[in-house]
Amino acid sequence: MNVVWFKRDLRIADHKPLADAAKYGEVLPLYAAEPSIWSGDDYSARHFQFVRESLEEMHAALEDRGGRLFTYMGEMEDALSALFKTYGPFTLYAYEEKAGPRVHDRNARVREWVNERGIRFLEYPINEKNSGRNIQERWSGFCRSEPFSSPERVEVPKTIPECFFIGAEKLKSFPVGGKPIRFGQQGGEQQALETLETFLEERFHLYEEHGSNLLQSTVSSSRLSPYLAWGNISFHTVVQKTSIKIENCDNLFLVKQLTSFQERLKERWKLMEQENVFDFEPSPDEKGTGDGLFLRWFEGQTGIPMIDATMNCLHKTGWIPSKYRGMLASFAVNTLSLNVQKCSDALAALFLDYEPIIHFHQIQKMSEKVQNPVKIGKKEDPGGAFIKRYLPSLANVPVKHIHEPWHYPGFFHLDYQAPIVDVKKANQAARKARTGTSARSSKVSDYEQLKFDL
């Protein structure tokens, strides 16, 4: 009896645990909605909505192969106990998951459970590691390796534990904080493949040029980050198809765009091997949680148009380009002196492509950089098109004043709040405090420029 435990690997194609398990008899594909994981402040209903959509498509794909997807609401060790009671000893297949303290604790409990009962647990690494090869050799080998074939047939057991459900329909009653979104990307393996195909066919043409443009980047960026974060498509598939596209492209300008994308894939691959990136080092001058300021920042009501428009966009779509994620984090942690962990969790809950290792690393880096959102806005959105889209109350403000509407003569007739902080003065204080703090290292990380998204 073989059980395949799905976590952040919600697909059928290029899935080694599933491919291996299907070779050796009956397979019970299982997804457990675990309260200990989903109760965290960094997870939200928009994430679970994406997961349910992915599971629904997986169930249909498994049914096409004679199988089914089973779901369970509760802790994984309880699901394993139900399996053990029903079948006796079995083999558990799964990809490893490195995603913060709660996942680390869950993994420890599961490993203790299987060890106590002598259950065979095959846990596959995300990246193949080999200490005898340097990182470039390993990367090259990874790019050349063949994907794992999807099983043509999946035989499921005739009897299943009574506490298990078939498909993902019952998961609609599983409680997760926050609200789903209407305008975000939809989960699922087919959506992921189509997104990759449209990117490699034409959307990549201005990948570098539009990477920081708040409006145009919604098309020119790959938009694969949520599908990679939740495993709707394997990282290997994206790398391999990109490499093939580069090899077959004879336009140097287009090759440059694809090479830039591939370099970011490589940076992501390297970072996913890192450990111990989840501990923040709070600044000694941190004022605490600052609930009033925090809510104004989180709800897009700071009176700083670039911050408010970006936050409103994030609430609505679950995605913004990398640069502006850093801007939001820096403004909260440095300009407003808010608690790093609280701001990190709040942003994570909004990012549909929340990948814990990448997210925590970037929050640490951005919390060390003091940025001015007014200057960023004037440079990246000079005509205010983005601001006016997400802040309708400023739609009629002249371009001259769109980034600093408090200088507009008719400001007090607008339905828009005054700034909650003097950005220049607050940033000067933040830089002064940071300069006098020896707790932070001035060394720049190899991964500092890694994008939140791709």
Protein backbone atom coordinates (compact mmCIF):
# COMPACT_ATOMS: atom_id res chain seq x y z
CA MET A 1 0.00 0.00 0.00
CA ASN A 2 1.48 3.37 -1.07
CA VAL A 3 0.38 6.80 0.14
CA VAL A 4 1.46 9.96 -1.74
CA TRP A 5 1.30 13.02 0.49
CA PHE A 6 0.78 16.25 -1.47
CA LYS A 7 1.79 19.60 0.04
CA ARG A 8 3.26 22.37 -2.12
CA ASP A 9 3.52 20.06 -5.14
CA LEU A 10 -0.03 20.13 -6.48
CA ARG A 11 0.38 18.52 -9.89
CA ILE A 12 0.53 15.18 -11.69
CA ALA A 13 3.29 15.81 -14.25
CA ASP A 14 6.98 15.56 -13.34
CA HIS A 15 6.14 14.37 -9.83
CA LYS A 16 8.69 11.79 -8.71
CA PRO A 17 6.92 10.54 -5.53
CA LEU A 18 3.72 9.86 -7.50
CA ALA A 19 5.60 8.31 -10.42
CA ASP A 20 7.52 5.99 -8.09
CA ALA A 21 4.52 5.04 -5.94
CA ALA A 22 2.44 4.13 -9.01
CA LYS A 23 5.02 1.49 -9.97
CA TYR A 24 4.36 -0.56 -6.86
CA GLY A 25 0.67 -1.32 -6.55
CA GLU A 26 -2.20 0.65 -5.10
CA VAL A 27 -1.78 4.37 -4.51
CA LEU A 28 -3.73 6.65 -2.21
CA PRO A 29 -3.05 10.29 -3.22
CA LEU A 30 -3.71 12.45 -0.15
CA TYR A 31 -3.90 16.14 0.70
CA ALA A 32 -4.37 17.07 4.38
CA ALA A 33 -5.72 20.51 5.28
CA GLU A 34 -3.83 20.92 8.54
CA PRO A 35 -5.08 23.47 11.11
CA SER A 36 -1.57 23.86 12.56
CA ILE A 37 -0.34 25.11 9.18
CA TRP A 38 -3.30 27.13 7.97
CA SER A 39 -3.93 28.94 11.26
CA GLY A 40 -0.76 31.02 10.84
CA ASP A 41 -1.00 34.76 10.15
CA ASP A 42 1.06 34.32 6.97
CA TYR A 43 -1.57 32.06 5.33
CA SER A 44 -4.97 33.25 4.16
CA ALA A 45 -8.17 32.34 2.34
CA ARG A 46 -6.74 33.48 -1.01
CA HIS A 47 -4.00 30.85 -0.66
CA PHE A 48 -6.48 28.14 0.26
CA GLN A 49 -8.74 29.13 -2.62
CA PHE A 50 -5.79 28.64 -4.97
CA VAL A 51 -5.01 25.28 -3.35
CA ARG A 52 -8.62 24.07 -3.68
CA GLU A 53 -8.66 25.02 -7.36
CA SER A 54 -5.44 23.08 -7.82
CA LEU A 55 -6.78 20.04 -5.98
CA GLU A 56 -9.99 20.01 -8.02
CA GLU A 57 -7.98 19.83 -11.23
CA MET A 58 -5.68 17.16 -9.77
CA HIS A 59 -8.69 15.04 -8.83
CA ALA A 60 -9.99 15.20 -12.41
CA ALA A 61 -6.54 14.29 -13.79
CA LEU A 62 -6.27 11.31 -11.43
CA GLU A 63 -9.76 10.15 -12.37
CA ASP A 64 -8.67 10.12 -16.02
CA ARG A 65 -6.01 7.63 -14.91
CA GLY A 66 -8.39 5.47 -12.91
CA GLY A 67 -7.48 7.07 -9.60
CA ARG A 68 -8.85 9.62 -7.16
CA LEU A 69 -7.60 12.35 -4.89
CA PHE A 70 -8.46 12.01 -1.22
CA THR A 71 -8.55 14.88 1.24
CA TYR A 72 -8.55 15.10 5.01
CA MET A 73 -9.20 17.97 7.42
CA GLY A 74 -6.92 17.61 10.43
CA GLU A 75 -3.29 17.07 11.36
CA MET A 76 -1.24 14.76 9.16
CA GLU A 77 -0.28 12.40 11.98
CA ASP A 78 -4.01 11.85 12.64
CA ALA A 79 -4.53 11.07 8.95
CA LEU A 80 -1.62 8.62 9.11
CA SER A 81 -3.17 6.96 12.16
CA ALA A 82 -6.41 6.45 10.22
CA LEU A 83 -4.44 4.94 7.35
CA PHE A 84 -2.52 2.64 9.67
CA LYS A 85 -5.74 1.48 11.33
CA THR A 86 -7.30 0.73 7.93
CA TYR A 87 -4.36 -0.86 6.08
CA GLY A 88 -1.66 -1.68 8.56
CA PRO A 89 1.91 -0.86 7.45
CA PHE A 90 2.24 1.21 4.28
CA THR A 91 4.86 3.27 2.44
CA LEU A 92 4.63 7.07 2.54
CA TYR A 93 5.93 9.11 -0.42
CA ALA A 94 6.34 12.90 -0.34
CA TYR A 95 8.48 15.84 -1.37
CA GLU A 96 10.25 17.60 1.47
CA GLU A 97 8.87 20.98 2.49
CA LYS A 98 10.92 23.79 4.03
CA ALA A 99 8.50 26.53 4.93
CA GLY A 100 9.04 28.01 8.37
CA PRO A 101 8.70 26.99 12.03
CA ARG A 102 5.16 25.53 11.83
CA VAL A 103 6.07 23.27 8.93
CA HIS A 104 9.31 22.32 10.67
CA ASP A 105 7.36 21.26 13.77
CA ARG A 106 4.82 19.34 11.66
CA ASN A 107 7.61 17.53 9.82
CA ALA A 108 9.19 16.54 13.13
CA ARG A 109 5.88 15.12 14.39
CA VAL A 110 5.33 13.12 11.21
CA ARG A 111 8.85 11.71 11.21
CA GLU A 112 8.48 10.71 14.86
CA TRP A 113 5.15 9.02 14.07
CA VAL A 114 6.50 6.95 11.17
CA ASN A 115 9.68 6.01 13.06
CA GLU A 116 7.74 4.77 16.07
CA ARG A 117 5.69 2.44 13.86
CA GLY A 118 8.39 1.37 11.46
CA ILE A 119 6.62 2.98 8.49
CA ARG A 120 8.76 3.45 5.42
CA PHE A 121 8.88 7.16 4.56
CA LEU A 122 10.46 8.18 1.25
CA GLU A 123 10.98 11.95 1.38
CA TYR A 124 12.32 13.43 -1.85
CA PRO A 125 14.55 16.53 -1.84
CA ILE A 126 13.39 19.60 -3.74
CA ASN A 127 16.86 19.97 -5.29
CA GLU A 128 19.25 17.08 -5.74
CA LYS A 129 22.32 17.80 -3.63
CA ASN A 130 25.83 16.49 -4.17
CA SER A 131 28.66 17.86 -2.06
CA GLY A 132 31.21 16.58 -4.59
CA ARG A 133 29.97 18.92 -7.33
CA ASN A 134 30.01 22.69 -7.39
CA ILE A 135 26.81 24.62 -7.79
CA GLN A 136 27.35 25.36 -11.49
CA GLU A 137 27.84 21.67 -12.28
CA ARG A 138 24.74 20.77 -10.32
CA TRP A 139 22.72 23.48 -12.06
CA SER A 140 23.88 22.30 -15.48
CA GLY A 141 23.00 18.73 -14.58
CA PHE A 142 19.60 19.83 -13.36
CA CYS A 143 18.92 21.66 -16.64
CA ARG A 144 19.85 18.56 -18.67
CA SER A 145 17.92 16.03 -16.61
CA GLU A 146 14.74 14.51 -17.97
CA PRO A 147 11.35 15.10 -16.31
CA PHE A 148 9.51 12.22 -14.65
CA SER A 149 6.72 10.70 -16.67
CA SER A 150 3.16 10.94 -15.39
CA PRO A 151 1.74 7.53 -14.45
CA GLU A 152 -0.60 6.20 -17.13
CA ARG A 153 -2.63 4.36 -14.53
CA VAL A 154 -3.24 4.94 -10.82
CA GLU A 155 -4.82 2.07 -8.92
CA VAL A 156 -6.55 3.20 -5.72
CA PRO A 157 -7.60 0.95 -2.81
CA LYS A 158 -11.26 -0.06 -2.67
CA THR A 159 -11.54 0.77 1.02
CA ILE A 160 -10.60 4.15 2.47
CA PRO A 161 -10.77 5.55 6.02
CA GLU A 162 -14.21 6.97 6.82
CA CYS A 163 -12.71 10.32 7.79
CA PHE A 164 -11.31 10.88 4.29
CA PHE A 165 -13.15 12.73 1.52
CA ILE A 166 -13.06 12.22 -2.24
CA GLY A 167 -11.96 15.35 -4.10
CA ALA A 168 -11.75 18.89 -2.74
CA GLU A 169 -15.43 19.84 -2.41
CA LYS A 170 -15.59 19.28 1.35
CA LEU A 171 -12.59 21.56 1.88
CA LYS A 172 -14.86 24.57 1.27
CA SER A 173 -15.88 24.28 4.93
CA PHE A 174 -12.28 24.37 6.19
CA PRO A 175 -11.78 27.65 8.09
CA VAL A 176 -8.95 29.93 6.95
CA GLY A 177 -8.61 33.61 7.85
CA GLY A 178 -8.89 36.43 5.35
CA LYS A 179 -11.00 36.72 2.22
CA PRO A 180 -10.70 35.06 -1.20
CA ILE A 181 -10.00 37.32 -4.16
CA ARG A 182 -11.92 37.67 -7.41
CA PHE A 183 -9.18 39.02 -9.65
CA GLY A 184 -6.23 36.79 -8.79
CA GLN A 185 -4.72 34.01 -10.87
CA GLN A 186 -6.54 30.67 -10.80
CA GLY A 187 -4.83 27.58 -9.44
CA GLY A 188 -4.28 24.40 -11.43
CA GLU A 189 -1.76 22.53 -13.53
CA GLN A 190 -3.38 23.45 -16.84
CA GLN A 191 -3.40 27.14 -15.92
CA ALA A 192 0.30 26.89 -15.07
CA LEU A 193 1.19 25.25 -18.39
CA GLU A 194 -0.80 27.79 -20.37
CA THR A 195 0.88 30.65 -18.50
CA LEU A 196 4.32 29.24 -19.31
CA GLU A 197 3.39 28.72 -22.95
CA THR A 198 2.05 32.24 -23.48
CA PHE A 199 5.13 33.69 -21.79
CA LEU A 200 7.58 31.73 -23.95
CA GLU A 201 5.56 32.38 -27.10
CA GLU A 202 5.39 36.17 -26.91
CA ARG A 203 4.94 37.78 -23.49
CA PHE A 204 8.68 37.58 -22.69
CA HIS A 205 9.62 40.01 -25.51
CA LEU A 206 9.91 42.98 -23.12
CA TYR A 207 10.60 41.03 -19.94
CA GLU A 208 13.52 43.21 -18.76
CA GLU A 209 12.22 46.53 -20.06
CA HIS A 210 8.81 46.22 -18.37
CA GLY A 211 9.94 44.32 -15.27
CA SER A 212 9.44 47.34 -12.98
CA ASN A 213 6.44 48.84 -14.73
CA LEU A 214 3.43 48.50 -12.47
CA LEU A 215 0.93 48.10 -15.31
CA GLN A 216 2.87 46.58 -18.20
CA SER A 217 4.64 44.02 -16.02
CA THR A 218 1.33 42.24 -15.48
CA VAL A 219 1.76 41.03 -19.07
CA SER A 220 5.54 40.98 -19.62
CA SER A 221 6.41 39.15 -16.39
CA SER A 222 6.13 35.38 -16.53
CA ARG A 223 3.40 35.35 -13.82
CA LEU A 224 4.55 31.83 -12.96
CA SER A 225 5.40 32.60 -9.34
CA PRO A 226 2.13 31.33 -7.75
CA TYR A 227 2.27 28.16 -9.84
CA LEU A 228 5.83 27.50 -8.71
CA ALA A 229 5.04 28.41 -5.11
CA TRP A 230 2.20 25.87 -4.90
CA GLY A 231 3.76 23.33 -7.24
CA ASN A 232 1.21 23.44 -10.08
CA ILE A 233 4.19 23.16 -12.40
CA SER A 234 7.58 21.72 -11.60
CA PHE A 235 10.52 24.08 -11.45
CA HIS A 236 12.36 21.63 -13.68
CA THR A 237 9.72 21.97 -16.41
CA VAL A 238 10.03 25.77 -16.45
CA VAL A 239 13.84 25.64 -16.58
CA GLN A 240 13.92 23.02 -19.32
CA LYS A 241 11.35 24.68 -21.58
CA THR A 242 13.11 28.03 -21.15
CA SER A 243 16.46 26.46 -22.08
CA ILE A 244 14.95 24.92 -25.20
CA LYS A 245 13.44 28.27 -26.19
CA ILE A 246 16.82 30.00 -25.80
CA GLU A 247 18.56 27.35 -27.90
CA ASN A 248 16.04 27.79 -30.71
CA CYS A 249 15.99 31.60 -30.67
CA ASP A 250 18.25 33.49 -33.11
CA ASN A 251 17.22 37.02 -32.11
CA LEU A 252 19.87 38.38 -29.71
CA PHE A 253 17.50 40.86 -28.10
CA LEU A 254 14.98 38.11 -27.32
CA VAL A 255 17.74 35.80 -26.11
CA LYS A 256 18.74 38.55 -23.66
CA GLN A 257 15.18 38.66 -22.27
CA LEU A 258 15.04 34.90 -21.81
CA THR A 259 18.54 34.73 -20.34
CA SER A 260 17.56 37.34 -17.75
CA PHE A 261 14.55 35.21 -16.82
CA GLN A 262 16.69 32.07 -16.64
CA GLU A 263 19.20 33.79 -14.34
CA ARG A 264 16.40 34.57 -11.91
CA LEU A 265 15.30 30.96 -12.08
CA LYS A 266 18.83 29.96 -11.13
CA GLU A 267 18.87 32.39 -8.20
CA ARG A 268 15.59 30.93 -7.01
CA TRP A 269 16.99 27.41 -7.30
CA LYS A 270 20.03 28.33 -5.19
CA LEU A 271 17.99 30.07 -2.54
CA MET A 272 15.64 27.09 -2.13
CA GLU A 273 18.60 25.10 -0.82
CA GLN A 274 19.23 27.53 2.03
CA GLU A 275 18.41 26.75 5.65
CA ASN A 276 17.74 28.90 8.71
CA VAL A 277 16.37 31.94 6.88
CA PHE A 278 13.26 32.28 9.04
CA ASP A 279 14.64 34.11 12.07
CA PHE A 280 14.28 37.89 11.97
CA GLU A 281 16.73 40.16 13.79
CA PRO A 282 14.54 43.00 15.06
CA SER A 283 16.14 46.41 15.16
CA PRO A 284 16.69 47.71 18.72
CA ASP A 285 14.84 50.94 17.85
CA GLU A 286 11.72 49.10 16.74
CA LYS A 287 8.66 50.69 18.37
CA GLY A 288 6.60 47.52 18.52
CA THR A 289 3.49 46.64 16.59
CA GLY A 290 2.07 50.18 16.27
CA ASP A 291 -1.46 48.93 15.61
CA GLY A 292 -2.84 52.28 14.40
CA LEU A 293 -0.04 52.86 11.91
CA PHE A 294 -0.04 49.20 10.95
CA LEU A 295 -3.73 49.23 10.00
CA ARG A 296 -3.34 52.43 7.98
CA TRP A 297 -0.44 50.83 6.10
CA PHE A 298 -2.15 47.46 5.62
CA GLU A 299 -5.44 48.97 4.44
CA GLY A 300 -3.79 51.43 2.03
CA GLN A 301 -4.70 54.56 3.97
CA THR A 302 -1.33 56.17 4.66
CA GLY A 303 -1.88 59.32 2.60
CA ILE A 304 1.16 58.40 0.47
CA PRO A 305 -0.35 57.63 -2.97
CA MET A 306 2.31 55.20 -4.15
CA ILE A 307 2.00 53.12 -0.98
CA ASP A 308 -1.80 53.18 -0.93
CA ALA A 309 -2.25 52.37 -4.63
CA THR A 310 0.24 49.50 -4.45
CA MET A 311 -1.40 48.05 -1.35
CA ASN A 312 -4.86 48.35 -2.92
CA CYS A 313 -3.59 46.53 -6.01
CA LEU A 314 -2.12 43.80 -3.83
CA HIS A 315 -5.37 43.35 -1.91
CA LYS A 316 -7.29 43.11 -5.17
CA THR A 317 -5.02 40.89 -7.28
CA GLY A 318 -2.55 39.18 -4.95
CA TRP A 319 0.41 40.28 -7.09
CA ILE A 320 2.70 43.25 -7.61
CA PRO A 321 6.21 43.40 -9.14
CA SER A 322 9.21 42.70 -6.94
CA LYS A 323 10.43 46.28 -6.56
CA TYR A 324 7.16 47.43 -5.01
CA ARG A 325 6.98 44.54 -2.57
CA GLY A 326 10.30 45.77 -1.25
CA MET A 327 8.96 49.33 -1.18
CA LEU A 328 5.97 48.29 0.97
CA ALA A 329 8.18 46.35 3.36
CA SER A 330 10.78 49.10 3.67
CA PHE A 331 8.13 51.79 4.26
CA ALA A 332 6.50 49.75 7.02
CA VAL A 333 9.67 48.66 8.80
CA ASN A 334 11.84 51.76 8.35
CA THR A 335 9.62 54.78 7.71
CA LEU A 336 6.89 53.70 10.15
CA SER A 337 9.13 51.62 12.48
CA LEU A 338 6.63 48.77 12.56
CA ASN A 339 7.33 45.26 13.76
CA VAL A 340 9.15 43.23 11.08
CA GLN A 341 7.47 39.92 11.79
CA LYS A 342 3.97 41.39 11.83
CA CYS A 343 4.52 43.19 8.53
CA SER A 344 6.09 40.10 7.00
CA ASP A 345 3.09 37.94 7.91
CA ALA A 346 0.66 40.58 6.63
CA LEU A 347 2.37 40.76 3.24
CA ALA A 348 2.71 36.99 3.02
CA ALA A 349 -1.04 36.62 3.54
CA LEU A 350 -1.64 38.93 0.58
CA PHE A 351 0.94 37.51 -1.85
CA LEU A 352 -0.76 34.76 -3.83
CA ASP A 353 2.71 33.46 -4.71
CA TYR A 354 3.86 33.29 -1.09
CA GLU A 355 6.96 31.08 -0.97
CA PRO A 356 8.24 31.18 2.63
CA ILE A 357 11.98 30.79 2.00
CA ILE A 358 12.05 33.48 -0.69
CA HIS A 359 9.66 35.74 1.20
CA PHE A 360 11.53 35.73 4.51
CA HIS A 361 14.86 36.26 2.81
CA GLN A 362 13.56 39.27 0.92
CA ILE A 363 11.84 40.80 3.95
CA GLN A 364 15.14 40.62 5.83
CA LYS A 365 16.93 42.35 2.98
CA MET A 366 14.28 45.01 2.40
CA SER A 367 14.06 45.85 6.09
CA GLU A 368 17.68 46.99 5.84
CA LYS A 369 16.99 49.42 2.99
CA VAL A 370 15.41 52.82 3.57
CA GLN A 371 13.38 53.84 0.51
CA ASN A 372 11.33 56.88 -0.43
CA PRO A 373 8.02 55.82 -2.07
CA VAL A 374 7.37 59.34 -3.37
CA LYS A 375 10.61 59.31 -5.35
CA ILE A 376 9.92 55.77 -6.57
CA GLY A 377 6.46 56.84 -7.72
CA LYS A 378 7.75 59.86 -9.63
CA LYS A 379 10.27 57.68 -11.42
CA GLU A 380 8.19 54.58 -12.13
CA ASP A 381 4.70 56.07 -12.51
CA PRO A 382 5.42 59.63 -13.67
CA GLY A 383 1.99 60.23 -15.17
CA GLY A 384 0.18 58.67 -12.21
CA ALA A 385 -1.70 56.11 -14.36
CA PHE A 386 -1.23 53.35 -11.79
CA ILE A 387 -2.12 55.59 -8.85
CA LYS A 388 -5.30 56.84 -10.54
CA ARG A 389 -6.38 53.28 -11.35
CA TYR A 390 -6.19 52.12 -7.75
CA LEU A 391 -7.02 55.42 -6.01
CA PRO A 392 -10.14 56.76 -7.82
CA SER A 393 -10.35 59.66 -5.36
CA LEU A 394 -7.21 61.09 -6.99
CA ALA A 395 -8.41 60.59 -10.59
CA ASN A 396 -8.76 64.32 -11.23
CA VAL A 397 -5.61 65.49 -9.48
CA PRO A 398 -3.13 67.11 -11.94
CA VAL A 399 -0.02 65.08 -12.75
CA LYS A 400 2.08 67.77 -11.09
CA HIS A 401 0.58 66.88 -7.71
CA ILE A 402 -0.39 63.22 -8.12
CA HIS A 403 2.51 61.88 -6.03
CA GLU A 404 2.19 64.60 -3.36
CA PRO A 405 -1.49 65.56 -3.39
CA TRP A 406 -1.15 67.45 -0.10
CA HIS A 407 0.48 70.23 -2.18
CA TYR A 408 -2.55 70.39 -4.45
CA PRO A 409 -4.64 73.56 -3.76
CA GLY A 410 -7.84 71.55 -3.78
CA PHE A 411 -6.52 68.78 -1.52
CA PHE A 412 -9.02 69.31 1.30
CA HIS A 413 -11.88 68.81 -1.13
CA LEU A 414 -10.59 65.35 -2.05
CA ASP A 415 -11.76 62.17 -0.39
CA TYR A 416 -8.19 61.30 0.55
CA GLN A 417 -6.36 61.41 3.85
CA ALA A 418 -3.35 63.52 4.78
CA PRO A 419 0.02 61.72 5.09
CA ILE A 420 0.46 59.81 8.34
CA VAL A 421 4.17 60.62 8.37
CA ASP A 422 6.68 63.05 6.93
CA VAL A 423 8.57 60.58 4.74
CA LYS A 424 11.81 62.56 4.50
CA LYS A 425 12.09 63.17 8.24
CA ALA A 426 11.10 59.62 9.16
CA ASN A 427 13.61 58.18 6.70
CA GLN A 428 16.37 60.43 8.01
CA ALA A 429 15.68 59.15 11.51
CA ALA A 430 15.64 55.56 10.24
CA ARG A 431 18.98 55.96 8.47
CA LYS A 432 20.52 57.58 11.53
CA ALA A 433 19.32 54.75 13.76
CA ARG A 434 20.51 52.15 11.28
CA THR A 435 23.92 53.76 10.87
CA GLY A 436 24.44 53.63 14.60
CA THR A 437 23.38 50.02 14.89
CA SER A 438 26.09 47.40 14.74
CA ALA A 439 23.71 44.47 14.96
CA ARG A 440 23.13 44.47 11.20
CA SER A 441 25.79 43.27 8.81
CA SER A 442 26.67 45.56 5.93
CA LYS A 443 27.63 42.62 3.76
CA VAL A 444 25.44 42.27 0.66
CA SER A 445 24.00 38.80 0.17
CA ASP A 446 24.57 36.91 -3.05
CA TYR A 447 20.81 36.65 -3.30
CA GLU A 448 19.91 40.26 -2.50
CA GLN A 449 18.62 40.97 -5.99
CA LEU A 450 16.44 37.86 -6.17
CA LYS A 451 12.93 38.72 -7.29
CA PHE A 452 9.91 38.03 -5.10
CA ASP A 453 8.28 36.83 -8.29
CA LEU A 454 9.38 35.87 -11.79
